[in-house]
């Protein structure tokens, strides 16, 4: 990312219900991750959006909290969970200030890491480190620079450099990220607004040392 987008843009996208990353279901890559046994202990879903992953993990019996900076996202996530009869927990919180809260054994980041620019990224990763229990794991699903411009993208090198000191990067695999083409992306991607797409993505697993 050249510049981290203003956080107000995300809140506005949730308020207007036009966020292209809201698909009404968990990311397939996260579903597969859970099936592989990647989640354990106390779980944090950072940048939870409308709550699909928090609800998935809650329904499966995990001790999980979903947080987002956007009050509109958290309100929608709470409503979604209530409507589905899932007793999921959500809170408004700043992903850059996680060090004052509890420690988590597993942290999920689905499409948050890639929004940060070179200046903000180290601060964010340091916040993840502060929130992650020693030996705990962070899973990052981020749009790849092999994509067509669906959203902010990062390279393999960016991820490797971000999870250097204080981490062991145990895996960095290619996968896909599912979204809905918005009007602003239609020309870039060459598909009509409203089309569902599976864009190239990275799935990283980093262990806190």
N, C-alpha and C. Protein backbone atom coordinates (compact mmCIF):
# COMPACT_ATOMS: atom_id res chain seq x y z
N UNK A 1 0.84 -1.20 0.00
CA UNK A 1 0.00 0.00 0.00
C UNK A 1 0.87 1.25 0.00
N UNK A 2 0.52 2.23 -0.84
CA UNK A 2 1.23 3.51 -0.82
C UNK A 2 0.86 4.29 0.43
N UNK A 3 -0.43 4.33 0.76
CA UNK A 3 -0.90 5.04 1.95
C UNK A 3 -2.04 4.25 2.58
N UNK A 4 -2.01 4.15 3.90
CA UNK A 4 -3.11 3.49 4.59
C UNK A 4 -4.39 4.30 4.39
N UNK A 5 -5.48 3.68 3.92
CA UNK A 5 -6.73 4.45 3.73
C UNK A 5 -7.23 5.00 5.06
N UNK A 6 -7.93 6.12 4.99
CA UNK A 6 -8.55 6.68 6.19
C UNK A 6 -9.54 5.67 6.77
N UNK A 7 -9.49 5.46 8.08
CA UNK A 7 -10.38 4.48 8.71
C UNK A 7 -11.84 4.86 8.53
N UNK A 8 -12.11 6.14 8.37
CA UNK A 8 -13.50 6.57 8.16
C UNK A 8 -14.09 5.98 6.88
N UNK A 9 -13.24 5.70 5.90
CA UNK A 9 -13.72 5.12 4.64
C UNK A 9 -14.33 3.73 4.87
N UNK A 10 -13.73 2.98 5.79
CA UNK A 10 -14.24 1.65 6.07
C UNK A 10 -15.57 1.74 6.82
N UNK A 11 -15.65 2.65 7.77
CA UNK A 11 -16.89 2.81 8.51
C UNK A 11 -18.02 3.25 7.58
N UNK A 12 -17.70 4.14 6.63
CA UNK A 12 -18.69 4.59 5.66
C UNK A 12 -19.15 3.44 4.77
N UNK A 13 -18.21 2.56 4.41
CA UNK A 13 -18.57 1.42 3.55
C UNK A 13 -19.53 0.48 4.29
N UNK A 14 -19.28 0.28 5.59
CA UNK A 14 -20.21 -0.55 6.36
C UNK A 14 -21.56 0.15 6.52
N UNK A 15 -21.53 1.45 6.79
CA UNK A 15 -22.78 2.19 7.00
C UNK A 15 -23.65 2.15 5.75
N UNK A 16 -23.02 2.28 4.58
CA UNK A 16 -23.77 2.27 3.32
C UNK A 16 -24.00 0.86 2.78
N UNK A 17 -23.41 -0.11 3.46
CA UNK A 17 -23.53 -1.52 3.07
C UNK A 17 -23.04 -1.75 1.64
N UNK A 18 -21.92 -1.11 1.31
CA UNK A 18 -21.33 -1.26 -0.02
C UNK A 18 -19.93 -1.87 0.04
N UNK A 19 -19.53 -2.39 1.19
CA UNK A 19 -18.17 -2.94 1.31
C UNK A 19 -18.01 -4.16 0.41
N UNK A 20 -17.07 -4.15 -0.51
CA UNK A 20 -16.93 -5.27 -1.45
C UNK A 20 -16.37 -6.53 -0.82
N UNK A 21 -15.87 -6.41 0.41
CA UNK A 21 -15.33 -7.59 1.09
C UNK A 21 -16.39 -8.30 1.92
N UNK A 22 -17.59 -7.75 2.01
CA UNK A 22 -18.67 -8.40 2.76
C UNK A 22 -19.42 -9.33 1.80
N UNK A 23 -19.31 -10.63 2.06
CA UNK A 23 -19.90 -11.61 1.14
C UNK A 23 -20.99 -12.44 1.81
N UNK A 24 -21.27 -12.17 3.09
CA UNK A 24 -22.34 -12.88 3.77
C UNK A 24 -22.02 -14.30 4.18
N UNK A 25 -20.75 -14.67 4.14
CA UNK A 25 -20.30 -16.00 4.53
C UNK A 25 -18.81 -15.93 4.83
N UNK A 26 -18.27 -16.93 5.53
CA UNK A 26 -16.83 -16.93 5.80
C UNK A 26 -16.02 -17.10 4.52
N UNK A 27 -14.79 -16.60 4.54
CA UNK A 27 -13.89 -16.85 3.43
C UNK A 27 -13.61 -18.35 3.33
N UNK A 28 -13.68 -18.93 2.11
CA UNK A 28 -13.37 -20.35 1.98
C UNK A 28 -12.00 -20.73 2.55
N UNK A 29 -11.02 -19.83 2.41
CA UNK A 29 -9.69 -20.12 2.93
C UNK A 29 -9.70 -20.25 4.45
N UNK A 30 -10.55 -19.47 5.13
CA UNK A 30 -10.64 -19.55 6.59
C UNK A 30 -11.39 -20.82 7.00
N UNK A 31 -12.41 -21.19 6.26
CA UNK A 31 -13.12 -22.45 6.53
C UNK A 31 -12.14 -23.62 6.45
N UNK A 32 -11.33 -23.63 5.40
CA UNK A 32 -10.34 -24.71 5.25
C UNK A 32 -9.31 -24.67 6.37
N UNK A 33 -8.94 -23.47 6.78
CA UNK A 33 -7.97 -23.30 7.86
C UNK A 33 -8.50 -23.93 9.14
N UNK A 34 -9.75 -23.67 9.46
CA UNK A 34 -10.35 -24.24 10.67
C UNK A 34 -10.40 -25.76 10.57
N UNK A 35 -10.76 -26.26 9.42
CA UNK A 35 -10.86 -27.71 9.25
C UNK A 35 -9.51 -28.40 9.41
N UNK A 36 -8.45 -27.66 9.17
CA UNK A 36 -7.09 -28.22 9.29
C UNK A 36 -6.61 -28.24 10.74
N UNK A 37 -7.40 -27.69 11.66
CA UNK A 37 -7.02 -27.66 13.07
C UNK A 37 -6.13 -26.50 13.44
N UNK A 38 -6.21 -25.40 12.70
CA UNK A 38 -5.30 -24.28 12.89
C UNK A 38 -5.65 -23.37 14.06
N UNK A 39 -6.86 -23.50 14.61
CA UNK A 39 -7.29 -22.63 15.71
C UNK A 39 -7.24 -23.40 17.03
N UNK A 40 -6.72 -22.73 18.06
CA UNK A 40 -6.68 -23.36 19.38
C UNK A 40 -6.76 -22.27 20.44
N UNK A 41 -7.20 -22.68 21.63
CA UNK A 41 -7.21 -21.78 22.77
C UNK A 41 -8.10 -20.57 22.57
N UNK A 42 -7.66 -19.46 23.18
CA UNK A 42 -8.39 -18.19 23.08
C UNK A 42 -8.09 -17.56 21.73
N UNK A 43 -9.14 -17.16 20.98
CA UNK A 43 -9.00 -16.71 19.60
C UNK A 43 -9.46 -15.25 19.48
N UNK A 44 -8.70 -14.47 18.72
CA UNK A 44 -9.07 -13.09 18.37
C UNK A 44 -9.24 -12.99 16.87
N UNK A 45 -10.40 -12.49 16.44
CA UNK A 45 -10.67 -12.20 15.03
C UNK A 45 -10.53 -10.70 14.86
N UNK A 46 -9.37 -10.27 14.38
CA UNK A 46 -9.06 -8.84 14.31
C UNK A 46 -9.50 -8.28 12.96
N UNK A 47 -10.25 -7.16 12.99
CA UNK A 47 -10.84 -6.64 11.77
C UNK A 47 -11.98 -7.56 11.33
N UNK A 48 -12.87 -7.87 12.27
CA UNK A 48 -13.88 -8.91 12.06
C UNK A 48 -14.98 -8.52 11.08
N UNK A 49 -15.11 -7.23 10.77
CA UNK A 49 -16.14 -6.81 9.83
C UNK A 49 -17.52 -7.19 10.34
N UNK A 50 -18.33 -7.79 9.48
CA UNK A 50 -19.70 -8.14 9.84
C UNK A 50 -19.80 -9.48 10.56
N UNK A 51 -18.65 -10.04 10.95
CA UNK A 51 -18.65 -11.12 11.91
C UNK A 51 -18.72 -12.55 11.41
N UNK A 52 -18.53 -12.78 10.12
CA UNK A 52 -18.71 -14.13 9.60
C UNK A 52 -17.75 -15.14 10.22
N UNK A 53 -16.50 -14.75 10.42
CA UNK A 53 -15.53 -15.71 10.97
C UNK A 53 -15.72 -15.90 12.47
N UNK A 54 -16.04 -14.82 13.16
CA UNK A 54 -16.32 -14.95 14.59
C UNK A 54 -17.52 -15.85 14.82
N UNK A 55 -18.55 -15.69 14.01
CA UNK A 55 -19.73 -16.54 14.14
C UNK A 55 -19.41 -17.99 13.81
N UNK A 56 -18.64 -18.22 12.76
CA UNK A 56 -18.24 -19.57 12.39
C UNK A 56 -17.53 -20.26 13.56
N UNK A 57 -16.55 -19.58 14.13
CA UNK A 57 -15.75 -20.18 15.19
C UNK A 57 -16.55 -20.34 16.48
N UNK A 58 -17.42 -19.36 16.79
CA UNK A 58 -18.28 -19.48 17.96
C UNK A 58 -19.19 -20.69 17.84
N UNK A 59 -19.79 -20.84 16.68
CA UNK A 59 -20.71 -21.97 16.44
C UNK A 59 -20.00 -23.31 16.60
N UNK A 60 -18.71 -23.34 16.30
CA UNK A 60 -17.94 -24.58 16.40
C UNK A 60 -17.33 -24.78 17.78
N UNK A 61 -17.62 -23.86 18.72
CA UNK A 61 -17.22 -24.07 20.10
C UNK A 61 -15.95 -23.37 20.55
N UNK A 62 -15.40 -22.49 19.72
CA UNK A 62 -14.18 -21.78 20.11
C UNK A 62 -14.50 -20.61 21.04
N UNK A 63 -13.52 -20.27 21.86
CA UNK A 63 -13.57 -19.08 22.71
C UNK A 63 -13.01 -17.93 21.88
N UNK A 64 -13.87 -17.15 21.24
CA UNK A 64 -13.43 -16.17 20.25
C UNK A 64 -14.08 -14.81 20.47
N UNK A 65 -13.30 -13.76 20.24
CA UNK A 65 -13.78 -12.39 20.25
C UNK A 65 -13.49 -11.77 18.90
N UNK A 66 -14.49 -11.12 18.31
CA UNK A 66 -14.30 -10.37 17.07
C UNK A 66 -14.22 -8.89 17.36
N UNK A 67 -13.20 -8.22 16.82
CA UNK A 67 -13.06 -6.77 17.04
C UNK A 67 -12.94 -6.06 15.70
N UNK A 68 -13.42 -4.82 15.68
CA UNK A 68 -13.28 -3.98 14.50
C UNK A 68 -13.26 -2.52 14.95
N UNK A 69 -12.54 -1.70 14.19
CA UNK A 69 -12.49 -0.27 14.49
C UNK A 69 -13.80 0.42 14.16
N UNK A 70 -14.56 -0.17 13.23
CA UNK A 70 -15.80 0.45 12.74
C UNK A 70 -16.99 0.11 13.63
N UNK A 71 -17.61 1.10 14.26
CA UNK A 71 -18.82 0.83 15.04
C UNK A 71 -19.95 0.25 14.19
N UNK A 72 -20.05 0.69 12.93
CA UNK A 72 -21.10 0.15 12.07
C UNK A 72 -20.87 -1.33 11.77
N UNK A 73 -19.62 -1.73 11.60
CA UNK A 73 -19.31 -3.14 11.37
C UNK A 73 -19.70 -3.97 12.59
N UNK A 74 -19.32 -3.51 13.77
CA UNK A 74 -19.62 -4.26 14.99
C UNK A 74 -21.13 -4.34 15.23
N UNK A 75 -21.84 -3.26 14.95
CA UNK A 75 -23.30 -3.28 15.10
C UNK A 75 -23.93 -4.29 14.15
N UNK A 76 -23.45 -4.33 12.91
CA UNK A 76 -23.99 -5.28 11.95
C UNK A 76 -23.63 -6.71 12.32
N UNK A 77 -22.39 -6.91 12.82
CA UNK A 77 -21.99 -8.25 13.25
C UNK A 77 -22.86 -8.73 14.39
N UNK A 78 -23.13 -7.85 15.34
CA UNK A 78 -23.97 -8.20 16.49
C UNK A 78 -25.38 -8.57 16.03
N UNK A 79 -25.92 -7.79 15.11
CA UNK A 79 -27.26 -8.07 14.56
C UNK A 79 -27.26 -9.40 13.80
N UNK A 80 -26.22 -9.64 13.01
CA UNK A 80 -26.13 -10.89 12.23
C UNK A 80 -26.13 -12.10 13.16
N UNK A 81 -25.34 -12.01 14.23
CA UNK A 81 -25.26 -13.13 15.16
C UNK A 81 -26.60 -13.36 15.86
N UNK A 82 -27.24 -12.28 16.29
CA UNK A 82 -28.53 -12.41 16.96
C UNK A 82 -29.57 -13.03 16.03
N UNK A 83 -29.56 -12.60 14.79
CA UNK A 83 -30.52 -13.12 13.83
C UNK A 83 -30.33 -14.62 13.57
N UNK A 84 -29.07 -15.08 13.66
CA UNK A 84 -28.78 -16.50 13.42
C UNK A 84 -28.77 -17.32 14.70
N UNK A 85 -29.02 -16.67 15.83
CA UNK A 85 -29.05 -17.39 17.10
C UNK A 85 -27.69 -17.86 17.57
N UNK A 86 -26.65 -17.09 17.24
CA UNK A 86 -25.28 -17.43 17.63
C UNK A 86 -24.83 -16.45 18.71
N UNK A 87 -24.37 -16.96 19.83
CA UNK A 87 -23.98 -16.12 20.96
C UNK A 87 -22.52 -15.67 20.78
N UNK A 88 -22.27 -14.92 19.71
CA UNK A 88 -20.92 -14.45 19.40
C UNK A 88 -20.64 -13.13 20.11
N UNK A 89 -19.35 -12.89 20.40
CA UNK A 89 -18.93 -11.68 21.12
C UNK A 89 -18.16 -10.76 20.17
N UNK A 90 -18.52 -9.47 20.21
CA UNK A 90 -17.87 -8.47 19.38
C UNK A 90 -17.58 -7.22 20.21
N UNK A 91 -16.58 -6.46 19.77
CA UNK A 91 -16.25 -5.21 20.45
C UNK A 91 -15.60 -4.26 19.46
N UNK A 92 -15.84 -2.96 19.67
CA UNK A 92 -15.13 -1.93 18.90
C UNK A 92 -13.75 -1.76 19.53
N UNK A 93 -12.70 -1.89 18.72
CA UNK A 93 -11.34 -1.79 19.25
C UNK A 93 -10.40 -1.39 18.13
N UNK A 94 -9.27 -0.81 18.52
CA UNK A 94 -8.24 -0.35 17.59
C UNK A 94 -7.18 -1.43 17.44
N UNK A 95 -7.01 -1.96 16.24
CA UNK A 95 -6.03 -3.02 15.99
C UNK A 95 -4.60 -2.56 16.23
N UNK A 96 -4.39 -1.27 16.29
CA UNK A 96 -3.06 -0.73 16.55
C UNK A 96 -2.75 -0.66 18.05
N UNK A 97 -3.74 -0.94 18.89
CA UNK A 97 -3.59 -0.79 20.34
C UNK A 97 -4.07 -2.05 21.05
N UNK A 98 -3.50 -3.19 20.70
CA UNK A 98 -3.96 -4.45 21.28
C UNK A 98 -3.18 -4.87 22.52
N UNK A 99 -2.11 -4.15 22.83
CA UNK A 99 -1.23 -4.59 23.90
C UNK A 99 -1.80 -4.48 25.29
N UNK A 100 -2.87 -3.70 25.47
CA UNK A 100 -3.43 -3.51 26.82
C UNK A 100 -4.49 -4.54 27.18
N UNK A 101 -4.81 -5.41 26.25
CA UNK A 101 -5.85 -6.40 26.50
C UNK A 101 -5.27 -7.76 26.83
N UNK A 102 -6.10 -8.79 26.80
CA UNK A 102 -5.64 -10.15 27.09
C UNK A 102 -4.75 -10.69 25.97
N UNK A 103 -4.06 -11.77 26.26
CA UNK A 103 -3.24 -12.46 25.26
C UNK A 103 -4.08 -13.57 24.62
N UNK A 104 -3.82 -13.82 23.35
CA UNK A 104 -4.58 -14.81 22.59
C UNK A 104 -3.66 -15.89 22.05
N UNK A 105 -4.18 -17.11 22.01
CA UNK A 105 -3.40 -18.24 21.48
C UNK A 105 -3.42 -18.26 19.96
N UNK A 106 -4.51 -17.79 19.38
CA UNK A 106 -4.64 -17.74 17.92
C UNK A 106 -5.26 -16.41 17.53
N UNK A 107 -4.67 -15.75 16.55
CA UNK A 107 -5.23 -14.50 16.01
C UNK A 107 -5.47 -14.68 14.52
N UNK A 108 -6.66 -14.32 14.09
CA UNK A 108 -7.01 -14.35 12.66
C UNK A 108 -7.09 -12.93 12.13
N UNK A 109 -6.39 -12.69 11.02
CA UNK A 109 -6.47 -11.43 10.29
C UNK A 109 -6.91 -11.77 8.87
N UNK A 110 -8.16 -11.51 8.58
CA UNK A 110 -8.67 -11.71 7.22
C UNK A 110 -8.84 -10.35 6.55
N UNK A 111 -7.88 -10.00 5.70
CA UNK A 111 -7.94 -8.79 4.87
C UNK A 111 -7.79 -7.49 5.64
N UNK A 112 -7.00 -7.51 6.73
CA UNK A 112 -6.66 -6.26 7.40
C UNK A 112 -5.21 -5.88 7.14
N UNK A 113 -4.31 -6.83 7.27
CA UNK A 113 -2.88 -6.58 7.10
C UNK A 113 -2.58 -5.80 5.82
N UNK A 114 -3.25 -6.15 4.73
CA UNK A 114 -2.88 -5.56 3.44
C UNK A 114 -3.30 -4.10 3.26
N UNK A 115 -4.08 -3.54 4.19
CA UNK A 115 -4.47 -2.14 4.03
C UNK A 115 -3.39 -1.17 4.51
N UNK A 116 -2.40 -1.68 5.29
CA UNK A 116 -1.45 -0.78 5.93
C UNK A 116 -0.28 -0.44 5.01
N UNK A 117 0.15 0.82 5.09
CA UNK A 117 1.31 1.25 4.31
C UNK A 117 2.60 0.89 5.05
N UNK A 118 3.74 1.25 4.45
CA UNK A 118 5.03 0.86 5.01
C UNK A 118 5.27 1.44 6.40
N UNK A 119 4.68 2.59 6.68
CA UNK A 119 4.88 3.22 7.99
C UNK A 119 3.99 2.58 9.06
N UNK A 120 2.76 2.25 8.70
CA UNK A 120 1.81 1.72 9.69
C UNK A 120 1.95 0.21 9.90
N UNK A 121 2.47 -0.49 8.90
CA UNK A 121 2.53 -1.95 8.99
C UNK A 121 3.34 -2.44 10.20
N UNK A 122 4.54 -1.90 10.44
CA UNK A 122 5.30 -2.37 11.62
C UNK A 122 4.57 -2.11 12.94
N UNK A 123 3.84 -1.01 13.04
CA UNK A 123 3.08 -0.72 14.25
C UNK A 123 1.97 -1.75 14.44
N UNK A 124 1.33 -2.12 13.35
CA UNK A 124 0.26 -3.11 13.43
C UNK A 124 0.81 -4.47 13.84
N UNK A 125 1.91 -4.89 13.22
CA UNK A 125 2.48 -6.20 13.54
C UNK A 125 2.99 -6.22 14.98
N UNK A 126 3.52 -5.10 15.46
CA UNK A 126 3.93 -5.01 16.87
C UNK A 126 2.73 -5.15 17.79
N UNK A 127 1.58 -4.59 17.39
CA UNK A 127 0.36 -4.72 18.18
C UNK A 127 -0.10 -6.17 18.21
N UNK A 128 -0.01 -6.87 17.08
CA UNK A 128 -0.33 -8.30 17.04
C UNK A 128 0.59 -9.08 17.98
N UNK A 129 1.86 -8.74 17.96
CA UNK A 129 2.84 -9.43 18.81
C UNK A 129 2.49 -9.24 20.29
N UNK A 130 2.07 -8.04 20.64
CA UNK A 130 1.71 -7.75 22.03
C UNK A 130 0.46 -8.52 22.46
N UNK A 131 -0.43 -8.79 21.52
CA UNK A 131 -1.70 -9.47 21.84
C UNK A 131 -1.59 -10.98 21.77
N UNK A 132 -0.53 -11.49 21.17
CA UNK A 132 -0.38 -12.92 20.94
C UNK A 132 0.41 -13.54 22.09
N UNK A 133 -0.09 -14.62 22.66
CA UNK A 133 0.62 -15.31 23.73
C UNK A 133 1.91 -15.91 23.19
N UNK A 134 2.95 -16.00 24.00
CA UNK A 134 4.18 -16.66 23.55
C UNK A 134 3.89 -18.06 23.01
N UNK A 135 4.39 -18.34 21.82
CA UNK A 135 4.09 -19.60 21.17
C UNK A 135 2.79 -19.61 20.41
N UNK A 136 2.03 -18.51 20.51
CA UNK A 136 0.76 -18.40 19.80
C UNK A 136 0.94 -18.16 18.31
N UNK A 137 -0.14 -18.23 17.58
CA UNK A 137 -0.09 -18.18 16.12
C UNK A 137 -0.99 -17.09 15.57
N UNK A 138 -0.48 -16.40 14.56
CA UNK A 138 -1.26 -15.43 13.80
C UNK A 138 -1.43 -15.96 12.38
N UNK A 139 -2.67 -15.99 11.91
CA UNK A 139 -2.97 -16.37 10.53
C UNK A 139 -3.39 -15.12 9.77
N UNK A 140 -2.74 -14.85 8.65
CA UNK A 140 -3.02 -13.65 7.86
C UNK A 140 -3.47 -14.04 6.45
N UNK A 141 -4.67 -13.62 6.08
CA UNK A 141 -5.18 -13.77 4.72
C UNK A 141 -5.14 -12.40 4.08
N UNK A 142 -4.30 -12.24 3.06
CA UNK A 142 -4.09 -10.92 2.46
C UNK A 142 -4.07 -11.03 0.94
N UNK A 143 -4.62 -10.01 0.29
CA UNK A 143 -4.64 -9.99 -1.17
C UNK A 143 -3.22 -9.94 -1.71
N UNK A 144 -2.98 -10.72 -2.74
CA UNK A 144 -1.66 -10.84 -3.35
C UNK A 144 -1.46 -9.84 -4.48
N UNK A 145 -0.20 -9.45 -4.67
CA UNK A 145 0.14 -8.54 -5.77
C UNK A 145 0.03 -9.22 -7.14
N UNK A 146 -0.38 -10.49 -7.16
CA UNK A 146 -0.67 -11.16 -8.43
C UNK A 146 -2.11 -10.90 -8.88
N UNK A 147 -2.86 -10.14 -8.09
CA UNK A 147 -4.27 -9.90 -8.39
C UNK A 147 -4.52 -8.82 -9.41
N UNK A 148 -5.80 -8.53 -9.60
CA UNK A 148 -6.23 -7.59 -10.65
C UNK A 148 -6.63 -6.22 -10.12
N UNK A 149 -6.36 -5.95 -8.86
CA UNK A 149 -6.71 -4.65 -8.31
C UNK A 149 -8.02 -4.62 -7.58
N UNK A 150 -8.44 -5.78 -7.03
CA UNK A 150 -9.68 -5.82 -6.27
C UNK A 150 -9.59 -4.94 -5.03
N UNK A 151 -8.41 -4.85 -4.47
CA UNK A 151 -8.19 -4.04 -3.27
C UNK A 151 -6.71 -3.87 -3.04
N UNK A 152 -6.31 -3.36 -1.89
CA UNK A 152 -4.89 -3.24 -1.58
C UNK A 152 -4.21 -4.61 -1.66
N UNK A 153 -3.00 -4.64 -2.21
CA UNK A 153 -2.30 -5.89 -2.41
C UNK A 153 -0.89 -5.82 -1.80
N UNK A 154 -0.39 -6.97 -1.39
CA UNK A 154 0.97 -7.02 -0.84
C UNK A 154 1.74 -8.14 -1.51
N UNK A 155 3.05 -8.01 -1.46
CA UNK A 155 3.94 -9.00 -2.06
C UNK A 155 4.39 -10.02 -1.02
N UNK A 156 4.97 -11.09 -1.49
CA UNK A 156 5.55 -12.08 -0.59
C UNK A 156 6.62 -11.45 0.29
N UNK A 157 7.45 -10.59 -0.30
CA UNK A 157 8.53 -9.96 0.45
C UNK A 157 8.00 -9.09 1.59
N UNK A 158 6.90 -8.38 1.35
CA UNK A 158 6.31 -7.53 2.38
C UNK A 158 5.92 -8.37 3.59
N UNK A 159 5.32 -9.52 3.36
CA UNK A 159 4.90 -10.38 4.46
C UNK A 159 6.11 -10.95 5.19
N UNK A 160 7.08 -11.40 4.44
CA UNK A 160 8.28 -11.98 5.07
C UNK A 160 9.01 -10.95 5.93
N UNK A 161 9.12 -9.73 5.44
CA UNK A 161 9.81 -8.69 6.21
C UNK A 161 8.99 -8.28 7.44
N UNK A 162 7.68 -8.27 7.30
CA UNK A 162 6.82 -7.85 8.42
C UNK A 162 6.92 -8.83 9.59
N UNK A 163 6.98 -10.11 9.29
CA UNK A 163 7.02 -11.13 10.34
C UNK A 163 8.44 -11.68 10.47
N UNK A 164 9.35 -10.76 10.82
CA UNK A 164 10.75 -11.10 11.02
C UNK A 164 11.07 -11.23 12.49
N UNK A 165 11.61 -10.18 13.07
CA UNK A 165 11.99 -10.20 14.47
C UNK A 165 10.80 -10.49 15.38
N UNK A 166 10.97 -11.42 16.29
CA UNK A 166 9.92 -11.77 17.24
C UNK A 166 8.94 -12.80 16.73
N UNK A 167 9.14 -13.25 15.49
CA UNK A 167 8.23 -14.22 14.88
C UNK A 167 9.02 -15.32 14.18
N UNK A 168 8.37 -16.46 14.02
CA UNK A 168 8.82 -17.48 13.09
C UNK A 168 7.73 -17.65 12.04
N UNK A 169 8.04 -17.30 10.80
CA UNK A 169 7.07 -17.45 9.72
C UNK A 169 7.07 -18.91 9.30
N UNK A 170 6.07 -19.63 9.75
CA UNK A 170 6.05 -21.08 9.56
C UNK A 170 5.52 -21.49 8.20
N UNK A 171 4.67 -20.67 7.60
CA UNK A 171 4.11 -21.01 6.29
C UNK A 171 3.68 -19.73 5.58
N UNK A 172 3.81 -19.74 4.26
CA UNK A 172 3.31 -18.66 3.42
C UNK A 172 2.84 -19.29 2.12
N UNK A 173 1.55 -19.50 2.03
CA UNK A 173 0.97 -20.24 0.90
C UNK A 173 0.12 -19.33 0.04
N UNK A 174 -0.09 -19.75 -1.20
CA UNK A 174 -1.02 -19.04 -2.09
C UNK A 174 -2.41 -19.63 -1.91
N UNK A 175 -3.41 -18.74 -1.99
CA UNK A 175 -4.80 -19.16 -1.87
C UNK A 175 -5.64 -18.14 -2.62
N UNK A 176 -6.92 -18.03 -2.28
CA UNK A 176 -7.78 -17.02 -2.91
C UNK A 176 -8.57 -16.29 -1.84
N UNK A 177 -9.00 -15.09 -2.20
CA UNK A 177 -9.85 -14.26 -1.34
C UNK A 177 -11.11 -13.94 -2.13
N UNK A 178 -12.26 -14.19 -1.55
CA UNK A 178 -13.54 -13.99 -2.24
C UNK A 178 -14.12 -12.62 -1.92
N UNK A 179 -14.61 -11.93 -2.95
CA UNK A 179 -15.22 -10.63 -2.76
C UNK A 179 -16.28 -10.37 -3.81
N UNK A 180 -16.89 -9.20 -3.71
CA UNK A 180 -17.92 -8.78 -4.66
C UNK A 180 -17.43 -7.51 -5.35
N UNK A 181 -17.39 -7.52 -6.66
CA UNK A 181 -16.91 -6.37 -7.42
C UNK A 181 -17.83 -5.17 -7.18
N UNK A 182 -17.22 -4.06 -6.75
CA UNK A 182 -17.96 -2.83 -6.56
C UNK A 182 -17.86 -1.93 -7.78
N UNK A 183 -18.66 -0.87 -7.84
CA UNK A 183 -18.61 0.04 -8.99
C UNK A 183 -17.21 0.62 -9.23
N UNK A 184 -16.49 0.90 -8.16
CA UNK A 184 -15.17 1.50 -8.31
C UNK A 184 -14.14 0.51 -8.84
N UNK A 185 -14.45 -0.79 -8.77
CA UNK A 185 -13.49 -1.81 -9.20
C UNK A 185 -13.84 -2.41 -10.55
N UNK A 186 -15.02 -2.13 -11.04
CA UNK A 186 -15.51 -2.81 -12.24
C UNK A 186 -14.59 -2.62 -13.44
N UNK A 187 -14.15 -1.39 -13.68
CA UNK A 187 -13.29 -1.14 -14.84
C UNK A 187 -11.93 -1.81 -14.68
N UNK A 188 -11.38 -1.72 -13.47
CA UNK A 188 -10.06 -2.31 -13.19
C UNK A 188 -10.06 -3.81 -13.42
N UNK A 189 -11.13 -4.47 -12.95
CA UNK A 189 -11.19 -5.93 -13.03
C UNK A 189 -11.81 -6.40 -14.34
N UNK A 190 -12.61 -5.54 -14.97
CA UNK A 190 -13.23 -5.90 -16.24
C UNK A 190 -14.46 -6.78 -16.09
N UNK A 191 -15.14 -6.64 -14.94
CA UNK A 191 -16.36 -7.40 -14.69
C UNK A 191 -17.42 -6.46 -14.13
N UNK A 192 -18.69 -6.75 -14.35
CA UNK A 192 -19.74 -5.86 -13.85
C UNK A 192 -19.80 -5.84 -12.33
N UNK A 193 -20.23 -4.71 -11.80
CA UNK A 193 -20.42 -4.60 -10.35
C UNK A 193 -21.41 -5.66 -9.89
N UNK A 194 -21.13 -6.25 -8.74
CA UNK A 194 -21.97 -7.30 -8.20
C UNK A 194 -21.47 -8.70 -8.48
N UNK A 195 -20.46 -8.82 -9.35
CA UNK A 195 -19.89 -10.13 -9.67
C UNK A 195 -19.04 -10.64 -8.51
N UNK A 196 -19.20 -11.89 -8.16
CA UNK A 196 -18.34 -12.50 -7.14
C UNK A 196 -17.04 -12.94 -7.81
N UNK A 197 -15.94 -12.68 -7.13
CA UNK A 197 -14.63 -13.06 -7.66
C UNK A 197 -13.81 -13.73 -6.58
N UNK A 198 -12.92 -14.62 -6.99
CA UNK A 198 -11.93 -15.22 -6.11
C UNK A 198 -10.57 -14.74 -6.60
N UNK A 199 -9.99 -13.81 -5.84
CA UNK A 199 -8.74 -13.17 -6.23
C UNK A 199 -7.53 -13.82 -5.56
N UNK A 200 -6.36 -13.77 -6.21
CA UNK A 200 -5.16 -14.36 -5.61
C UNK A 200 -4.86 -13.74 -4.25
N UNK A 201 -4.44 -14.58 -3.32
CA UNK A 201 -4.17 -14.11 -1.96
C UNK A 201 -3.05 -14.93 -1.34
N UNK A 202 -2.51 -14.39 -0.26
CA UNK A 202 -1.54 -15.10 0.56
C UNK A 202 -2.22 -15.59 1.83
N UNK A 203 -1.78 -16.72 2.33
CA UNK A 203 -2.19 -17.20 3.65
C UNK A 203 -0.91 -17.47 4.43
N UNK A 204 -0.64 -16.62 5.40
CA UNK A 204 0.58 -16.73 6.19
C UNK A 204 0.27 -17.28 7.58
N UNK A 205 1.20 -18.06 8.12
CA UNK A 205 1.11 -18.53 9.50
C UNK A 205 2.40 -18.15 10.21
N UNK A 206 2.28 -17.28 11.21
CA UNK A 206 3.44 -16.80 11.95
C UNK A 206 3.29 -17.17 13.43
N UNK A 207 4.34 -17.72 14.00
CA UNK A 207 4.33 -18.07 15.42
C UNK A 207 5.10 -17.04 16.22
N UNK A 208 4.49 -16.57 17.29
CA UNK A 208 5.15 -15.58 18.14
C UNK A 208 6.25 -16.24 18.96
N UNK A 209 7.43 -15.71 18.89
CA UNK A 209 8.57 -16.24 19.64
C UNK A 209 8.61 -15.56 21.02
